[in-house]
Protein backbone atom coordinates (compact mmCIF):
# COMPACT_ATOMS: atom_id res chain seq x y z
CA UNK A 1 -3.57 -115.34 -243.98
CA UNK A 2 -5.61 -112.51 -242.31
CA UNK A 3 -3.97 -113.32 -238.96
CA UNK A 4 -0.44 -113.12 -240.56
CA UNK A 5 -1.60 -109.82 -242.21
CA UNK A 6 -2.69 -108.41 -238.81
CA UNK A 7 0.56 -109.44 -237.22
CA UNK A 8 2.59 -107.73 -239.89
CA UNK A 9 0.47 -104.66 -239.52
CA UNK A 10 0.98 -104.73 -235.62
CA UNK A 11 4.66 -105.17 -236.14
CA UNK A 12 4.61 -102.14 -238.34
CA UNK A 13 2.87 -99.97 -235.86
CA UNK A 14 5.21 -100.96 -233.17
CA UNK A 15 8.45 -100.39 -235.20
CA UNK A 16 7.33 -97.80 -237.72
CA UNK A 17 8.47 -100.19 -240.57
CA UNK A 18 7.46 -103.36 -242.25
CA UNK A 19 9.03 -106.66 -241.07
CA UNK A 20 11.63 -107.89 -243.77
CA UNK A 21 12.40 -111.43 -244.51
CA UNK A 22 10.97 -114.79 -245.45
CA UNK A 23 8.43 -117.18 -243.86
CA UNK A 24 10.98 -118.41 -241.22
CA UNK A 25 11.85 -114.80 -240.28
CA UNK A 26 8.14 -113.98 -239.81
CA UNK A 27 7.58 -117.04 -237.86
CA UNK A 28 10.40 -116.32 -235.43
CA UNK A 29 9.58 -112.68 -235.17
CA UNK A 30 5.88 -113.30 -234.34
CA UNK A 31 7.17 -115.80 -231.55
CA UNK A 32 9.06 -113.08 -229.95
CA UNK A 33 12.38 -112.91 -231.93
CA UNK A 34 12.09 -109.00 -232.36
CA UNK A 35 13.64 -106.08 -230.64
CA UNK A 36 11.11 -106.01 -227.94
CA UNK A 37 10.31 -109.60 -227.51
CA UNK A 38 6.66 -109.11 -228.29
CA UNK A 39 4.65 -112.27 -229.20
CA UNK A 40 2.51 -111.12 -232.26
CA UNK A 41 0.84 -114.50 -232.79
CA UNK A 42 0.69 -118.07 -231.37
CA UNK A 43 0.63 -121.01 -233.90
CA UNK A 44 -1.10 -124.26 -233.86
CA UNK A 45 1.15 -127.36 -234.32
CA UNK A 46 -0.88 -128.14 -237.44
CA UNK A 47 0.06 -124.72 -238.98
CA UNK A 48 3.80 -125.31 -238.37
CA UNK A 49 4.52 -128.92 -238.92
CA UNK A 50 8.01 -128.29 -240.45
CA UNK A 51 8.80 -126.49 -237.12
CA UNK A 52 9.81 -123.08 -238.52
CA UNK A 53 7.49 -122.05 -241.36
CA UNK A 54 3.66 -121.15 -241.32
CA UNK A 55 1.71 -123.35 -243.85
CA UNK A 56 -1.33 -122.58 -245.70
CA UNK A 57 -4.50 -124.77 -245.56
CA UNK A 58 -2.95 -127.09 -248.16
CA UNK A 59 0.28 -127.67 -246.38
CA UNK A 60 2.46 -125.34 -248.30
CA UNK A 61 4.66 -122.61 -246.77
CA UNK A 62 3.33 -119.19 -247.45
CA UNK A 63 5.50 -116.86 -249.56
CA UNK A 64 6.41 -113.37 -248.34
CA UNK A 65 6.47 -110.92 -250.92
CA UNK A 66 8.37 -107.66 -250.72
CA UNK A 67 11.76 -106.11 -250.91
CA UNK A 68 14.53 -104.76 -248.48
CA UNK A 69 11.89 -102.20 -247.27
CA UNK A 70 9.63 -105.01 -245.94
CA UNK A 71 6.72 -107.54 -246.67
CA UNK A 72 4.09 -106.02 -248.91
CA UNK A 73 2.00 -109.19 -249.52
CA UNK A 74 1.41 -112.80 -248.38
CA UNK A 75 0.84 -115.44 -250.98
CA UNK A 76 -0.55 -118.95 -250.82
CA UNK A 77 0.01 -121.31 -253.55
CA UNK A 78 -3.74 -122.50 -253.18
CA UNK A 79 -5.25 -125.93 -253.55
CA UNK A 80 -2.84 -126.95 -256.38
CA UNK A 81 0.06 -126.17 -254.24
CA UNK A 82 1.96 -124.46 -256.99
CA UNK A 83 2.82 -120.89 -257.02
CA UNK A 84 2.06 -118.76 -260.10
CA UNK A 85 -1.28 -120.44 -260.98
CA UNK A 86 -4.80 -119.07 -261.22
CA UNK A 87 -5.66 -120.42 -257.68
CA UNK A 88 -2.99 -118.46 -255.84
CA UNK A 89 -4.22 -116.33 -252.99
CA UNK A 90 -2.63 -113.16 -252.32
CA UNK A 91 -3.23 -110.69 -249.40
CA UNK A 92 -1.57 -107.21 -249.57
CA UNK A 93 0.10 -105.75 -246.49
CA UNK A 94 0.00 -101.91 -246.86
């Protein structure tokens, strides 16, 4: 999650705004689908077995939290693989 957060912060530093979109959009943007073609992160195949979404340690796609102004947090469903339960892990993206 920290690597995703760092990638989002680097994107914001380069473009002056937060990246918008869902998990798939972040994945594509980090691999170079952005205005300057910058690669922000390379992914291990174990982290992307679905091919277009980044998964947490338990195999659940991360949830990107935000609005039309950009992603403000990254959420993992945690060990139980269910969002909205006490074991969720959230990392804020300022």
